[in-house]
């Protein structure tokens, strides 16, 4: 998500996506299991469970957009 967050910080409107840090942790757990002898084909496929929403209000204002309060409340980060 850091890549997407940087895009919004640099003027993008909205970013929503999986948390990259959590993805790397999940990958590390897979590597650990494989190094301990697990067969990759036997490991379950896991999907991200943590997502982040970042909104840039300055960009929204420049575009003449109003972000509903209900969306702002759900955001993990709101850039003023």
PDB file of N, CA and C in Angstrom:
ATOM      1  N   UNK A   1       0.817  -1.193   0.000  1.00  0.00           N
ATOM      2  CA  UNK A   1       0.000   0.000   0.000  1.00  0.00           C
ATOM      3  C   UNK A   1       0.856   1.251   0.000  1.00  0.00           C
ATOM      4  N   UNK A   2       2.119   1.141   0.397  1.00  0.00           N
ATOM      5  CA  UNK A   2       2.975   2.329   0.453  1.00  0.00           C
ATOM      6  C   UNK A   2       3.074   3.013  -0.898  1.00  0.00           C
ATOM      7  N   UNK A   3       3.145   2.244  -1.973  1.00  0.00           N
ATOM      8  CA  UNK A   3       3.218   2.827  -3.312  1.00  0.00           C
ATOM      9  C   UNK A   3       1.963   3.636  -3.598  1.00  0.00           C
ATOM     10  N   UNK A   4       0.816   3.077  -3.273  1.00  0.00           N
ATOM     11  CA  UNK A   4      -0.437   3.773  -3.524  1.00  0.00           C
ATOM     12  C   UNK A   4      -0.584   4.989  -2.617  1.00  0.00           C
ATOM     13  N   UNK A   5      -0.158   4.859  -1.377  1.00  0.00           N
ATOM     14  CA  UNK A   5      -0.212   5.976  -0.435  1.00  0.00           C
ATOM     15  C   UNK A   5       0.649   7.133  -0.937  1.00  0.00           C
ATOM     16  N   UNK A   6       1.824   6.814  -1.488  1.00  0.00           N
ATOM     17  CA  UNK A   6       2.702   7.853  -2.024  1.00  0.00           C
ATOM     18  C   UNK A   6       2.038   8.569  -3.188  1.00  0.00           C
ATOM     19  N   UNK A   7       1.298   7.837  -3.996  1.00  0.00           N
ATOM     20  CA  UNK A   7       0.586   8.447  -5.114  1.00  0.00           C
ATOM     21  C   UNK A   7      -0.433   9.466  -4.611  1.00  0.00           C
ATOM     22  N   UNK A   8      -1.165   9.118  -3.582  1.00  0.00           N
ATOM     23  CA  UNK A   8      -2.161  10.031  -3.022  1.00  0.00           C
ATOM     24  C   UNK A   8      -1.474  11.198  -2.317  1.00  0.00           C
ATOM     25  N   UNK A   9      -0.405  10.935  -1.626  1.00  0.00           N
ATOM     26  CA  UNK A   9       0.345  11.996  -0.957  1.00  0.00           C
ATOM     27  C   UNK A   9       0.864  13.011  -1.976  1.00  0.00           C
ATOM     28  N   UNK A  10       1.200  12.525  -3.164  1.00  0.00           N
ATOM     29  CA  UNK A  10       1.734  13.392  -4.210  1.00  0.00           C
ATOM     30  C   UNK A  10       0.662  13.974  -5.126  1.00  0.00           C
ATOM     31  N   UNK A  11      -0.602  13.877  -4.723  1.00  0.00           N
ATOM     32  CA  UNK A  11      -1.654  14.539  -5.486  1.00  0.00           C
ATOM     33  C   UNK A  11      -2.737  13.645  -6.035  1.00  0.00           C
ATOM     34  N   UNK A  12      -2.599  12.334  -5.890  1.00  0.00           N
ATOM     35  CA  UNK A  12      -3.656  11.434  -6.336  1.00  0.00           C
ATOM     36  C   UNK A  12      -4.896  11.610  -5.466  1.00  0.00           C
ATOM     37  N   UNK A  13      -6.043  11.201  -5.956  1.00  0.00           N
ATOM     38  CA  UNK A  13      -7.294  11.409  -5.224  1.00  0.00           C
ATOM     39  C   UNK A  13      -7.528  10.354  -4.144  1.00  0.00           C
ATOM     40  N   UNK A  14      -7.563   9.097  -4.540  1.00  0.00           N
ATOM     41  CA  UNK A  14      -7.909   8.020  -3.596  1.00  0.00           C
ATOM     42  C   UNK A  14      -7.068   6.786  -3.908  1.00  0.00           C
ATOM     43  N   UNK A  15      -6.676   6.083  -2.874  1.00  0.00           N
ATOM     44  CA  UNK A  15      -6.011   4.791  -3.034  1.00  0.00           C
ATOM     45  C   UNK A  15      -6.673   3.793  -2.091  1.00  0.00           C
ATOM     46  N   UNK A  16      -6.921   2.606  -2.607  1.00  0.00           N
ATOM     47  CA  UNK A  16      -7.479   1.528  -1.795  1.00  0.00           C
ATOM     48  C   UNK A  16      -6.784   0.247  -2.217  1.00  0.00           C
ATOM     49  N   UNK A  17      -6.214  -0.450  -1.268  1.00  0.00           N
ATOM     50  CA  UNK A  17      -5.543  -1.690  -1.617  1.00  0.00           C
ATOM     51  C   UNK A  17      -5.052  -2.442  -0.411  1.00  0.00           C
ATOM     52  N   UNK A  18      -4.509  -3.611  -0.697  1.00  0.00           N
ATOM     53  CA  UNK A  18      -3.990  -4.474   0.357  1.00  0.00           C
ATOM     54  C   UNK A  18      -2.749  -3.848   0.980  1.00  0.00           C
ATOM     55  N   UNK A  19      -2.566  -4.098   2.253  1.00  0.00           N
ATOM     56  CA  UNK A  19      -1.397  -3.613   2.990  1.00  0.00           C
ATOM     57  C   UNK A  19      -0.184  -4.433   2.568  1.00  0.00           C
ATOM     58  N   UNK A  20       0.799  -3.776   1.921  1.00  0.00           N
ATOM     59  CA  UNK A  20       1.979  -4.483   1.430  1.00  0.00           C
ATOM     60  C   UNK A  20       2.787  -5.110   2.561  1.00  0.00           C
ATOM     61  N   UNK A  21       2.880  -4.441   3.690  1.00  0.00           N
ATOM     62  CA  UNK A  21       3.656  -4.978   4.812  1.00  0.00           C
ATOM     63  C   UNK A  21       3.071  -6.309   5.253  1.00  0.00           C
ATOM     64  N   UNK A  22       1.760  -6.376   5.336  1.00  0.00           N
ATOM     65  CA  UNK A  22       1.106  -7.628   5.717  1.00  0.00           C
ATOM     66  C   UNK A  22       1.359  -8.704   4.661  1.00  0.00           C
ATOM     67  N   UNK A  23       1.391  -8.304   3.397  1.00  0.00           N
ATOM     68  CA  UNK A  23       1.675  -9.250   2.313  1.00  0.00           C
ATOM     69  C   UNK A  23       3.073  -9.843   2.416  1.00  0.00           C
ATOM     70  N   UNK A  24       4.042  -9.008   2.770  1.00  0.00           N
ATOM     71  CA  UNK A  24       5.413  -9.508   2.944  1.00  0.00           C
ATOM     72  C   UNK A  24       5.502 -10.453   4.131  1.00  0.00           C
ATOM     73  N   UNK A  25       4.757 -10.162   5.186  1.00  0.00           N
ATOM     74  CA  UNK A  25       4.751 -11.066   6.347  1.00  0.00           C
ATOM     75  C   UNK A  25       4.170 -12.428   5.968  1.00  0.00           C
ATOM     76  N   UNK A  26       3.107 -12.398   5.192  1.00  0.00           N
ATOM     77  CA  UNK A  26       2.488 -13.639   4.731  1.00  0.00           C
ATOM     78  C   UNK A  26       3.477 -14.425   3.865  1.00  0.00           C
ATOM     79  N   UNK A  27       4.174 -13.723   2.980  1.00  0.00           N
ATOM     80  CA  UNK A  27       5.167 -14.388   2.129  1.00  0.00           C
ATOM     81  C   UNK A  27       6.277 -15.009   2.974  1.00  0.00           C
ATOM     82  N   UNK A  28       6.694 -14.306   4.009  1.00  0.00           N
ATOM     83  CA  UNK A  28       7.745 -14.833   4.891  1.00  0.00           C
ATOM     84  C   UNK A  28       7.270 -16.106   5.594  1.00  0.00           C
ATOM     85  N   UNK A  29       6.003 -16.147   5.987  1.00  0.00           N
ATOM     86  CA  UNK A  29       5.470 -17.362   6.626  1.00  0.00           C
ATOM     87  C   UNK A  29       5.485 -18.538   5.649  1.00  0.00           C
ATOM     88  N   UNK A  30       5.140 -18.265   4.386  1.00  0.00           N
ATOM     89  CA  UNK A  30       5.193 -19.325   3.371  1.00  0.00           C
ATOM     90  C   UNK A  30       6.617 -19.840   3.201  1.00  0.00           C
ATOM     91  N   UNK A  31       7.570 -18.933   3.079  1.00  0.00           N
ATOM     92  CA  UNK A  31       8.976 -19.328   2.917  1.00  0.00           C
ATOM     93  C   UNK A  31       9.423 -20.165   4.107  1.00  0.00           C
ATOM     94  N   UNK A  32       9.052 -19.739   5.316  1.00  0.00           N
ATOM     95  CA  UNK A  32       9.417 -20.479   6.523  1.00  0.00           C
ATOM     96  C   UNK A  32       8.877 -21.905   6.471  1.00  0.00           C
ATOM     97  N   UNK A  33       7.625 -22.051   6.080  1.00  0.00           N
ATOM     98  CA  UNK A  33       7.023 -23.388   6.007  1.00  0.00           C
ATOM     99  C   UNK A  33       7.718 -24.251   4.961  1.00  0.00           C
ATOM    100  N   UNK A  34       8.044 -23.651   3.818  1.00  0.00           N
ATOM    101  CA  UNK A  34       8.712 -24.408   2.756  1.00  0.00           C
ATOM    102  C   UNK A  34      10.111 -24.828   3.189  1.00  0.00           C
ATOM    103  N   UNK A  35      10.833 -23.926   3.829  1.00  0.00           N
ATOM    104  CA  UNK A  35      12.179 -24.266   4.303  1.00  0.00           C
ATOM    105  C   UNK A  35      12.160 -25.339   5.388  1.00  0.00           C
ATOM    106  N   UNK A  36      11.033 -25.446   6.081  1.00  0.00           N
ATOM    107  CA  UNK A  36      10.904 -26.484   7.108  1.00  0.00           C
ATOM    108  C   UNK A  36      10.361 -27.784   6.531  1.00  0.00           C
ATOM    109  N   UNK A  37      10.220 -27.848   5.186  1.00  0.00           N
ATOM    110  CA  UNK A  37       9.853 -29.109   4.558  1.00  0.00           C
ATOM    111  C   UNK A  37       8.462 -29.206   3.973  1.00  0.00           C
ATOM    112  N   UNK A  38       7.650 -28.205   4.122  1.00  0.00           N
ATOM    113  CA  UNK A  38       6.302 -28.264   3.551  1.00  0.00           C
ATOM    114  C   UNK A  38       6.379 -28.204   2.028  1.00  0.00           C
ATOM    115  N   UNK A  39       5.496 -28.933   1.373  1.00  0.00           N
ATOM    116  CA  UNK A  39       5.425 -28.887  -0.084  1.00  0.00           C
ATOM    117  C   UNK A  39       4.587 -27.667  -0.477  1.00  0.00           C
ATOM    118  N   UNK A  40       5.090 -26.824  -1.367  1.00  0.00           N
ATOM    119  CA  UNK A  40       4.330 -25.636  -1.768  1.00  0.00           C
ATOM    120  C   UNK A  40       2.913 -25.952  -2.258  1.00  0.00           C
ATOM    121  N   UNK A  41       2.762 -27.074  -2.956  1.00  0.00           N
ATOM    122  CA  UNK A  41       1.441 -27.441  -3.479  1.00  0.00           C
ATOM    123  C   UNK A  41       0.453 -27.771  -2.364  1.00  0.00           C
ATOM    124  N   UNK A  42       0.963 -28.113  -1.180  1.00  0.00           N
ATOM    125  CA  UNK A  42       0.093 -28.459  -0.065  1.00  0.00           C
ATOM    126  C   UNK A  42      -0.318 -27.244   0.776  1.00  0.00           C
ATOM    127  N   UNK A  43       0.312 -26.104   0.531  1.00  0.00           N
ATOM    128  CA  UNK A  43       0.000 -24.904   1.320  1.00  0.00           C
ATOM    129  C   UNK A  43      -1.258 -24.240   0.783  1.00  0.00           C
ATOM    130  N   UNK A  44      -2.116 -23.756   1.667  1.00  0.00           N
ATOM    131  CA  UNK A  44      -3.344 -23.103   1.216  1.00  0.00           C
ATOM    132  C   UNK A  44      -3.053 -21.735   0.589  1.00  0.00           C
ATOM    133  N   UNK A  45      -3.890 -21.357  -0.330  1.00  0.00           N
ATOM    134  CA  UNK A  45      -3.796 -20.017  -0.916  1.00  0.00           C
ATOM    135  C   UNK A  45      -4.470 -19.053   0.058  1.00  0.00           C
ATOM    136  N   UNK A  46      -3.761 -18.003   0.404  1.00  0.00           N
ATOM    137  CA  UNK A  46      -4.315 -17.019   1.332  1.00  0.00           C
ATOM    138  C   UNK A  46      -4.445 -15.675   0.630  1.00  0.00           C
ATOM    139  N   UNK A  47      -5.528 -14.994   0.908  1.00  0.00           N
ATOM    140  CA  UNK A  47      -5.749 -13.675   0.338  1.00  0.00           C
ATOM    141  C   UNK A  47      -5.510 -12.619   1.405  1.00  0.00           C
ATOM    142  N   UNK A  48      -5.227 -11.396   0.988  1.00  0.00           N
ATOM    143  CA  UNK A  48      -5.029 -10.325   1.968  1.00  0.00           C
ATOM    144  C   UNK A  48      -6.276 -10.144   2.835  1.00  0.00           C
ATOM    145  N   UNK A  49      -6.034  -9.784   4.069  1.00  0.00           N
ATOM    146  CA  UNK A  49      -7.145  -9.537   4.983  1.00  0.00           C
ATOM    147  C   UNK A  49      -7.157  -8.099   5.491  1.00  0.00           C
ATOM    148  N   UNK A  50      -6.063  -7.389   5.248  1.00  0.00           N
ATOM    149  CA  UNK A  50      -5.971  -6.008   5.715  1.00  0.00           C
ATOM    150  C   UNK A  50      -5.862  -5.084   4.506  1.00  0.00           C
ATOM    151  N   UNK A  51      -6.779  -4.142   4.417  1.00  0.00           N
ATOM    152  CA  UNK A  51      -6.804  -3.180   3.321  1.00  0.00           C
ATOM    153  C   UNK A  51      -6.778  -1.767   3.897  1.00  0.00           C
ATOM    154  N   UNK A  52      -6.285  -0.826   3.096  1.00  0.00           N
ATOM    155  CA  UNK A  52      -6.210   0.556   3.547  1.00  0.00           C
ATOM    156  C   UNK A  52      -6.856   1.471   2.512  1.00  0.00           C
ATOM    157  N   UNK A  53      -7.502   2.521   3.014  1.00  0.00           N
ATOM    158  CA  UNK A  53      -8.119   3.537   2.179  1.00  0.00           C
ATOM    159  C   UNK A  53      -7.495   4.879   2.542  1.00  0.00           C
ATOM    160  N   UNK A  54      -6.934   5.570   1.530  1.00  0.00           N
ATOM    161  CA  UNK A  54      -6.308   6.871   1.727  1.00  0.00           C
ATOM    162  C   UNK A  54      -6.989   7.858   0.785  1.00  0.00           C
ATOM    163  N   UNK A  55      -7.364   9.030   1.318  1.00  0.00           N
ATOM    164  CA  UNK A  55      -8.076  10.045   0.536  1.00  0.00           C
ATOM    165  C   UNK A  55      -7.348  11.371   0.653  1.00  0.00           C
ATOM    166  N   UNK A  56      -7.201  12.061  -0.472  1.00  0.00           N
ATOM    167  CA  UNK A  56      -6.571  13.376  -0.500  1.00  0.00           C
ATOM    168  C   UNK A  56      -7.662  14.423  -0.706  1.00  0.00           C
ATOM    169  N   UNK A  57      -8.019  15.138   0.370  1.00  0.00           N
ATOM    170  CA  UNK A  57      -9.080  16.142   0.288  1.00  0.00           C
ATOM    171  C   UNK A  57      -8.676  17.362  -0.528  1.00  0.00           C
ATOM    172  N   UNK A  58      -7.390  17.684  -0.529  1.00  0.00           N
ATOM    173  CA  UNK A  58      -6.918  18.825  -1.318  1.00  0.00           C
ATOM    174  C   UNK A  58      -7.170  18.570  -2.807  1.00  0.00           C
ATOM    175  N   UNK A  59      -6.882  17.361  -3.253  1.00  0.00           N
ATOM    176  CA  UNK A  59      -7.129  16.999  -4.650  1.00  0.00           C
ATOM    177  C   UNK A  59      -8.624  16.974  -4.945  1.00  0.00           C
ATOM    178  N   UNK A  60      -9.400  16.437  -4.024  1.00  0.00           N
ATOM    179  CA  UNK A  60     -10.852  16.408  -4.213  1.00  0.00           C
ATOM    180  C   UNK A  60     -11.397  17.824  -4.384  1.00  0.00           C
ATOM    181  N   UNK A  61     -10.927  18.733  -3.555  1.00  0.00           N
ATOM    182  CA  UNK A  61     -11.379  20.120  -3.643  1.00  0.00           C
ATOM    183  C   UNK A  61     -10.970  20.732  -4.980  1.00  0.00           C
ATOM    184  N   UNK A  62      -9.736  20.478  -5.423  1.00  0.00           N
ATOM    185  CA  UNK A  62      -9.256  21.008  -6.702  1.00  0.00           C
ATOM    186  C   UNK A  62     -10.089  20.490  -7.878  1.00  0.00           C
ATOM    187  N   UNK A  63     -10.616  19.275  -7.745  1.00  0.00           N
ATOM    188  CA  UNK A  63     -11.451  18.679  -8.791  1.00  0.00           C
ATOM    189  C   UNK A  63     -12.921  19.038  -8.644  1.00  0.00           C
ATOM    190  N   UNK A  64     -13.250  19.760  -7.565  1.00  0.00           N
ATOM    191  CA  UNK A  64     -14.643  20.132  -7.317  1.00  0.00           C
ATOM    192  C   UNK A  64     -15.494  18.985  -6.803  1.00  0.00           C
ATOM    193  N   UNK A  65     -14.854  18.036  -6.145  1.00  0.00           N
ATOM    194  CA  UNK A  65     -15.558  16.861  -5.619  1.00  0.00           C
ATOM    195  C   UNK A  65     -15.776  16.990  -4.117  1.00  0.00           C
ATOM    196  N   UNK A  66     -16.887  16.472  -3.668  1.00  0.00           N
ATOM    197  CA  UNK A  66     -17.162  16.395  -2.244  1.00  0.00           C
ATOM    198  C   UNK A  66     -17.161  14.921  -1.856  1.00  0.00           C
ATOM    199  N   UNK A  67     -16.305  14.572  -0.925  1.00  0.00           N
ATOM    200  CA  UNK A  67     -16.239  13.192  -0.441  1.00  0.00           C
ATOM    201  C   UNK A  67     -17.229  13.070   0.721  1.00  0.00           C
ATOM    202  N   UNK A  68     -18.181  12.141   0.629  1.00  0.00           N
ATOM    203  CA  UNK A  68     -19.157  11.994   1.707  1.00  0.00           C
ATOM    204  C   UNK A  68     -18.485  11.697   3.056  1.00  0.00           C
ATOM    205  N   UNK A  69     -19.074  12.222   4.102  1.00  0.00           N
ATOM    206  CA  UNK A  69     -18.547  12.025   5.450  1.00  0.00           C
ATOM    207  C   UNK A  69     -18.459  10.541   5.802  1.00  0.00           C
ATOM    208  N   UNK A  70     -19.403   9.756   5.331  1.00  0.00           N
ATOM    209  CA  UNK A  70     -19.385   8.323   5.622  1.00  0.00           C
ATOM    210  C   UNK A  70     -18.151   7.646   5.027  1.00  0.00           C
ATOM    211  N   UNK A  71     -17.675   8.130   3.880  1.00  0.00           N
ATOM    212  CA  UNK A  71     -16.463   7.581   3.265  1.00  0.00           C
ATOM    213  C   UNK A  71     -15.236   8.062   4.028  1.00  0.00           C
ATOM    214  N   UNK A  72     -15.234   9.333   4.404  1.00  0.00           N
ATOM    215  CA  UNK A  72     -14.092   9.882   5.163  1.00  0.00           C
ATOM    216  C   UNK A  72     -13.908   9.151   6.484  1.00  0.00           C
ATOM    217  N   UNK A  73     -15.001   8.781   7.124  1.00  0.00           N
ATOM    218  CA  UNK A  73     -14.913   8.072   8.396  1.00  0.00           C
ATOM    219  C   UNK A  73     -14.311   6.687   8.249  1.00  0.00           C
ATOM    220  N   UNK A  74     -14.463   6.092   7.080  1.00  0.00           N
ATOM    221  CA  UNK A  74     -13.914   4.756   6.838  1.00  0.00           C
ATOM    222  C   UNK A  74     -12.447   4.788   6.421  1.00  0.00           C
ATOM    223  N   UNK A  75     -11.954   5.958   6.037  1.00  0.00           N
ATOM    224  CA  UNK A  75     -10.587   6.077   5.551  1.00  0.00           C
ATOM    225  C   UNK A  75      -9.577   5.839   6.672  1.00  0.00           C
ATOM    226  N   UNK A  76      -8.483   5.171   6.317  1.00  0.00           N
ATOM    227  CA  UNK A  76      -7.392   4.967   7.263  1.00  0.00           C
ATOM    228  C   UNK A  76      -6.550   6.227   7.392  1.00  0.00           C
ATOM    229  N   UNK A  77      -6.493   7.010   6.297  1.00  0.00           N
ATOM    230  CA  UNK A  77      -5.739   8.263   6.327  1.00  0.00           C
ATOM    231  C   UNK A  77      -6.444   9.254   5.413  1.00  0.00           C
ATOM    232  N   UNK A  78      -6.621  10.482   5.904  1.00  0.00           N
ATOM    233  CA  UNK A  78      -7.180  11.572   5.118  1.00  0.00           C
ATOM    234  C   UNK A  78      -6.116  12.668   5.066  1.00  0.00           C
ATOM    235  N   UNK A  79      -5.704  12.997   3.850  1.00  0.00           N
ATOM    236  CA  UNK A  79      -4.690  14.023   3.655  1.00  0.00           C
ATOM    237  C   UNK A  79      -5.396  15.349   3.450  1.00  0.00           C
ATOM    238  N   UNK A  80      -5.061  16.322   4.279  1.00  0.00           N
ATOM    239  CA  UNK A  80      -5.706  17.635   4.198  1.00  0.00           C
ATOM    240  C   UNK A  80      -4.987  18.476   3.185  1.00  0.00           C
TER     241      UNK A  80
END
